């Protein structure tokens, strides 16, 4: 019964230049543009903006 999911896997890259990445999912119908989240970067030891990469 499980149909095709409209959610796709994306990678979030740290803007602090540490190379740290998160992976998450997003619904491309609701958010067709690239997303940005403020998350914790354990390498930089602070919260920074993470941008979606393709």
PDB file of N, CA and C in Angstrom:
ATOM      1  N   UNK A   1       0.805  -1.190   0.000  1.00  0.00           N
ATOM      2  CA  UNK A   1       0.000   0.000   0.000  1.00  0.00           C
ATOM      3  C   UNK A   1       0.851   1.258   0.000  1.00  0.00           C
ATOM      4  N   UNK A   2       2.092   1.136   0.374  1.00  0.00           N
ATOM      5  CA  UNK A   2       2.937   2.324   0.422  1.00  0.00           C
ATOM      6  C   UNK A   2       3.231   2.786  -1.003  1.00  0.00           C
ATOM      7  N   UNK A   3       2.782   3.992  -1.329  1.00  0.00           N
ATOM      8  CA  UNK A   3       3.005   4.535  -2.667  1.00  0.00           C
ATOM      9  C   UNK A   3       4.333   5.242  -2.767  1.00  0.00           C
ATOM     10  N   UNK A   4       4.514   5.877  -3.877  1.00  0.00           N
ATOM     11  CA  UNK A   4       5.745   6.640  -4.053  1.00  0.00           C
ATOM     12  C   UNK A   4       5.689   7.880  -3.180  1.00  0.00           C
ATOM     13  N   UNK A   5       6.765   8.127  -2.462  1.00  0.00           N
ATOM     14  CA  UNK A   5       6.825   9.276  -1.578  1.00  0.00           C
ATOM     15  C   UNK A   5       7.182  10.530  -2.377  1.00  0.00           C
ATOM     16  N   UNK A   6       6.581  11.639  -2.009  1.00  0.00           N
ATOM     17  CA  UNK A   6       6.893  12.909  -2.660  1.00  0.00           C
ATOM     18  C   UNK A   6       8.075  13.600  -1.997  1.00  0.00           C
ATOM     19  N   UNK A   7       8.618  12.973  -0.962  1.00  0.00           N
ATOM     20  CA  UNK A   7       9.756  13.547  -0.253  1.00  0.00           C
ATOM     21  C   UNK A   7      11.055  13.019  -0.870  1.00  0.00           C
ATOM     22  N   UNK A   8      12.019  13.907  -1.046  1.00  0.00           N
ATOM     23  CA  UNK A   8      13.309  13.515  -1.610  1.00  0.00           C
ATOM     24  C   UNK A   8      14.406  13.794  -0.584  1.00  0.00           C
ATOM     25  N   UNK A   9      15.471  13.025  -0.648  1.00  0.00           N
ATOM     26  CA  UNK A   9      16.606  13.188   0.254  1.00  0.00           C
ATOM     27  C   UNK A   9      17.479  14.332  -0.237  1.00  0.00           C
ATOM     28  N   UNK A  10      17.852  15.221   0.691  1.00  0.00           N
ATOM     29  CA  UNK A  10      18.730  16.349   0.355  1.00  0.00           C
ATOM     30  C   UNK A  10      19.919  16.350   1.313  1.00  0.00           C
ATOM     31  N   UNK A  11      20.972  17.036   0.919  1.00  0.00           N
ATOM     32  CA  UNK A  11      22.162  17.203   1.743  1.00  0.00           C
ATOM     33  C   UNK A  11      22.295  18.666   2.112  1.00  0.00           C
ATOM     34  N   UNK A  12      22.560  18.935   3.392  1.00  0.00           N
ATOM     35  CA  UNK A  12      22.766  20.297   3.873  1.00  0.00           C
ATOM     36  C   UNK A  12      24.242  20.474   4.194  1.00  0.00           C
ATOM     37  N   UNK A  13      24.896  21.456   3.567  1.00  0.00           N
ATOM     38  CA  UNK A  13      26.331  21.715   3.720  1.00  0.00           C
ATOM     39  C   UNK A  13      26.537  22.937   4.611  1.00  0.00           C
ATOM     40  N   UNK A  14      27.469  22.853   5.535  1.00  0.00           N
ATOM     41  CA  UNK A  14      27.767  23.950   6.447  1.00  0.00           C
ATOM     42  C   UNK A  14      28.394  25.121   5.694  1.00  0.00           C
ATOM     43  N   UNK A  15      27.998  26.343   6.056  1.00  0.00           N
ATOM     44  CA  UNK A  15      28.588  27.537   5.452  1.00  0.00           C
ATOM     45  C   UNK A  15      29.822  28.001   6.218  1.00  0.00           C
ATOM     46  N   UNK A  16      30.162  27.307   7.320  1.00  0.00           N
ATOM     47  CA  UNK A  16      31.337  27.685   8.112  1.00  0.00           C
ATOM     48  C   UNK A  16      32.627  27.194   7.470  1.00  0.00           C
ATOM     49  N   UNK A  17      32.525  26.397   6.411  1.00  0.00           N
ATOM     50  CA  UNK A  17      33.724  25.920   5.729  1.00  0.00           C
ATOM     51  C   UNK A  17      34.354  24.702   6.382  1.00  0.00           C
ATOM     52  N   UNK A  18      33.634  24.030   7.276  1.00  0.00           N
ATOM     53  CA  UNK A  18      34.184  22.869   7.964  1.00  0.00           C
ATOM     54  C   UNK A  18      33.974  21.590   7.176  1.00  0.00           C
ATOM     55  N   UNK A  19      33.057  21.602   6.201  1.00  0.00           N
ATOM     56  CA  UNK A  19      32.772  20.409   5.424  1.00  0.00           C
ATOM     57  C   UNK A  19      31.753  19.494   6.062  1.00  0.00           C
ATOM     58  N   UNK A  20      31.182  19.895   7.195  1.00  0.00           N
ATOM     59  CA  UNK A  20      30.201  19.062   7.881  1.00  0.00           C
ATOM     60  C   UNK A  20      28.883  19.095   7.117  1.00  0.00           C
ATOM     61  N   UNK A  21      28.188  17.940   7.074  1.00  0.00           N
ATOM     62  CA  UNK A  21      26.941  17.830   6.323  1.00  0.00           C
ATOM     63  C   UNK A  21      25.874  17.111   7.131  1.00  0.00           C
ATOM     64  N   UNK A  22      24.641  17.500   6.905  1.00  0.00           N
ATOM     65  CA  UNK A  22      23.476  16.781   7.407  1.00  0.00           C
ATOM     66  C   UNK A  22      22.716  16.251   6.200  1.00  0.00           C
ATOM     67  N   UNK A  23      21.990  15.141   6.365  1.00  0.00           N
ATOM     68  CA  UNK A  23      21.071  14.680   5.338  1.00  0.00           C
ATOM     69  C   UNK A  23      19.679  14.669   5.935  1.00  0.00           C
ATOM     70  N   UNK A  24      18.702  15.077   5.142  1.00  0.00           N
ATOM     71  CA  UNK A  24      17.315  15.137   5.573  1.00  0.00           C
ATOM     72  C   UNK A  24      16.431  14.983   4.347  1.00  0.00           C
ATOM     73  N   UNK A  25      15.131  15.078   4.524  1.00  0.00           N
ATOM     74  CA  UNK A  25      14.208  14.989   3.399  1.00  0.00           C
ATOM     75  C   UNK A  25      13.385  16.256   3.329  1.00  0.00           C
ATOM     76  N   UNK A  26      12.858  16.531   2.142  1.00  0.00           N
ATOM     77  CA  UNK A  26      11.964  17.665   1.965  1.00  0.00           C
ATOM     78  C   UNK A  26      10.934  17.323   0.899  1.00  0.00           C
ATOM     79  N   UNK A  27       9.793  17.987   0.971  1.00  0.00           N
ATOM     80  CA  UNK A  27       8.732  17.832  -0.009  1.00  0.00           C
ATOM     81  C   UNK A  27       8.966  18.875  -1.092  1.00  0.00           C
ATOM     82  N   UNK A  28       9.283  18.424  -2.310  1.00  0.00           N
ATOM     83  CA  UNK A  28       9.611  19.364  -3.392  1.00  0.00           C
ATOM     84  C   UNK A  28       8.401  20.132  -3.893  1.00  0.00           C
ATOM     85  N   UNK A  29       7.188  19.641  -3.645  1.00  0.00           N
ATOM     86  CA  UNK A  29       6.004  20.390  -4.058  1.00  0.00           C
ATOM     87  C   UNK A  29       5.804  21.615  -3.179  1.00  0.00           C
ATOM     88  N   UNK A  30       6.066  21.479  -1.885  1.00  0.00           N
ATOM     89  CA  UNK A  30       5.883  22.601  -0.967  1.00  0.00           C
ATOM     90  C   UNK A  30       7.072  23.555  -0.962  1.00  0.00           C
ATOM     91  N   UNK A  31       8.280  23.036  -1.211  1.00  0.00           N
ATOM     92  CA  UNK A  31       9.509  23.839  -1.178  1.00  0.00           C
ATOM     93  C   UNK A  31      10.350  23.549  -2.414  1.00  0.00           C
ATOM     94  N   UNK A  32       9.974  24.073  -3.582  1.00  0.00           N
ATOM     95  CA  UNK A  32      10.750  23.786  -4.791  1.00  0.00           C
ATOM     96  C   UNK A  32      12.119  24.469  -4.810  1.00  0.00           C
ATOM     97  N   UNK A  33      12.295  25.546  -4.042  1.00  0.00           N
ATOM     98  CA  UNK A  33      13.569  26.259  -4.016  1.00  0.00           C
ATOM     99  C   UNK A  33      14.505  25.579  -3.017  1.00  0.00           C
ATOM    100  N   UNK A  34      15.757  25.975  -3.040  1.00  0.00           N
ATOM    101  CA  UNK A  34      16.725  25.425  -2.104  1.00  0.00           C
ATOM    102  C   UNK A  34      16.448  25.971  -0.709  1.00  0.00           C
ATOM    103  N   UNK A  35      16.619  25.118   0.294  1.00  0.00           N
ATOM    104  CA  UNK A  35      16.310  25.507   1.662  1.00  0.00           C
ATOM    105  C   UNK A  35      17.585  25.828   2.428  1.00  0.00           C
ATOM    106  N   UNK A  36      17.428  26.606   3.490  1.00  0.00           N
ATOM    107  CA  UNK A  36      18.515  26.937   4.409  1.00  0.00           C
ATOM    108  C   UNK A  36      17.998  26.758   5.820  1.00  0.00           C
ATOM    109  N   UNK A  37      18.801  26.112   6.656  1.00  0.00           N
ATOM    110  CA  UNK A  37      18.445  25.912   8.056  1.00  0.00           C
ATOM    111  C   UNK A  37      19.612  26.331   8.925  1.00  0.00           C
ATOM    112  N   UNK A  38      19.318  26.833  10.120  1.00  0.00           N
ATOM    113  CA  UNK A  38      20.357  27.141  11.086  1.00  0.00           C
ATOM    114  C   UNK A  38      20.459  25.944  12.021  1.00  0.00           C
ATOM    115  N   UNK A  39      21.591  25.237  11.952  1.00  0.00           N
ATOM    116  CA  UNK A  39      21.785  24.017  12.723  1.00  0.00           C
ATOM    117  C   UNK A  39      23.154  24.047  13.384  1.00  0.00           C
ATOM    118  N   UNK A  40      23.374  23.103  14.289  1.00  0.00           N
ATOM    119  CA  UNK A  40      24.631  23.032  15.023  1.00  0.00           C
ATOM    120  C   UNK A  40      25.710  22.343  14.201  1.00  0.00           C
ATOM    121  N   UNK A  41      26.871  22.969  14.118  1.00  0.00           N
ATOM    122  CA  UNK A  41      28.040  22.386  13.456  1.00  0.00           C
ATOM    123  C   UNK A  41      29.009  21.939  14.551  1.00  0.00           C
ATOM    124  N   UNK A  42      29.160  20.624  14.776  1.00  0.00           N
ATOM    125  CA  UNK A  42      30.028  20.167  15.862  1.00  0.00           C
ATOM    126  C   UNK A  42      31.513  20.434  15.616  1.00  0.00           C
ATOM    127  N   UNK A  43      31.919  20.620  14.374  1.00  0.00           N
ATOM    128  CA  UNK A  43      33.324  20.924  14.091  1.00  0.00           C
ATOM    129  C   UNK A  43      33.627  22.367  14.489  1.00  0.00           C
ATOM    130  N   UNK A  44      32.720  23.298  14.129  1.00  0.00           N
ATOM    131  CA  UNK A  44      32.894  24.708  14.481  1.00  0.00           C
ATOM    132  C   UNK A  44      32.434  24.995  15.904  1.00  0.00           C
ATOM    133  N   UNK A  45      31.681  24.054  16.500  1.00  0.00           N
ATOM    134  CA  UNK A  45      31.151  24.164  17.863  1.00  0.00           C
ATOM    135  C   UNK A  45      30.241  25.372  18.040  1.00  0.00           C
ATOM    136  N   UNK A  46      29.396  25.637  17.033  1.00  0.00           N
ATOM    137  CA  UNK A  46      28.404  26.700  17.128  1.00  0.00           C
ATOM    138  C   UNK A  46      27.326  26.484  16.078  1.00  0.00           C
ATOM    139  N   UNK A  47      26.248  27.228  16.184  1.00  0.00           N
ATOM    140  CA  UNK A  47      25.171  27.154  15.208  1.00  0.00           C
ATOM    141  C   UNK A  47      25.532  28.013  13.994  1.00  0.00           C
ATOM    142  N   UNK A  48      25.389  27.433  12.816  1.00  0.00           N
ATOM    143  CA  UNK A  48      25.665  28.143  11.564  1.00  0.00           C
ATOM    144  C   UNK A  48      24.566  27.804  10.571  1.00  0.00           C
ATOM    145  N   UNK A  49      24.539  28.518   9.459  1.00  0.00           N
ATOM    146  CA  UNK A  49      23.550  28.250   8.412  1.00  0.00           C
ATOM    147  C   UNK A  49      24.036  27.103   7.547  1.00  0.00           C
ATOM    148  N   UNK A  50      23.134  26.171   7.274  1.00  0.00           N
ATOM    149  CA  UNK A  50      23.404  25.057   6.393  1.00  0.00           C
ATOM    150  C   UNK A  50      22.553  25.250   5.147  1.00  0.00           C
ATOM    151  N   UNK A  51      23.174  25.154   3.959  1.00  0.00           N
ATOM    152  CA  UNK A  51      22.483  25.343   2.692  1.00  0.00           C
ATOM    153  C   UNK A  51      22.352  24.018   1.963  1.00  0.00           C
ATOM    154  N   UNK A  52      21.268  23.877   1.222  1.00  0.00           N
ATOM    155  CA  UNK A  52      21.032  22.661   0.460  1.00  0.00           C
ATOM    156  C   UNK A  52      21.981  22.583  -0.731  1.00  0.00           C
ATOM    157  N   UNK A  53      22.583  21.405  -0.915  1.00  0.00           N
ATOM    158  CA  UNK A  53      23.431  21.168  -2.070  1.00  0.00           C
ATOM    159  C   UNK A  53      22.759  20.109  -2.936  1.00  0.00           C
ATOM    160  N   UNK A  54      23.100  20.081  -4.201  1.00  0.00           N
ATOM    161  CA  UNK A  54      22.498  19.092  -5.096  1.00  0.00           C
ATOM    162  C   UNK A  54      23.527  18.127  -5.612  1.00  0.00           C
TER     163      UNK A  54
END
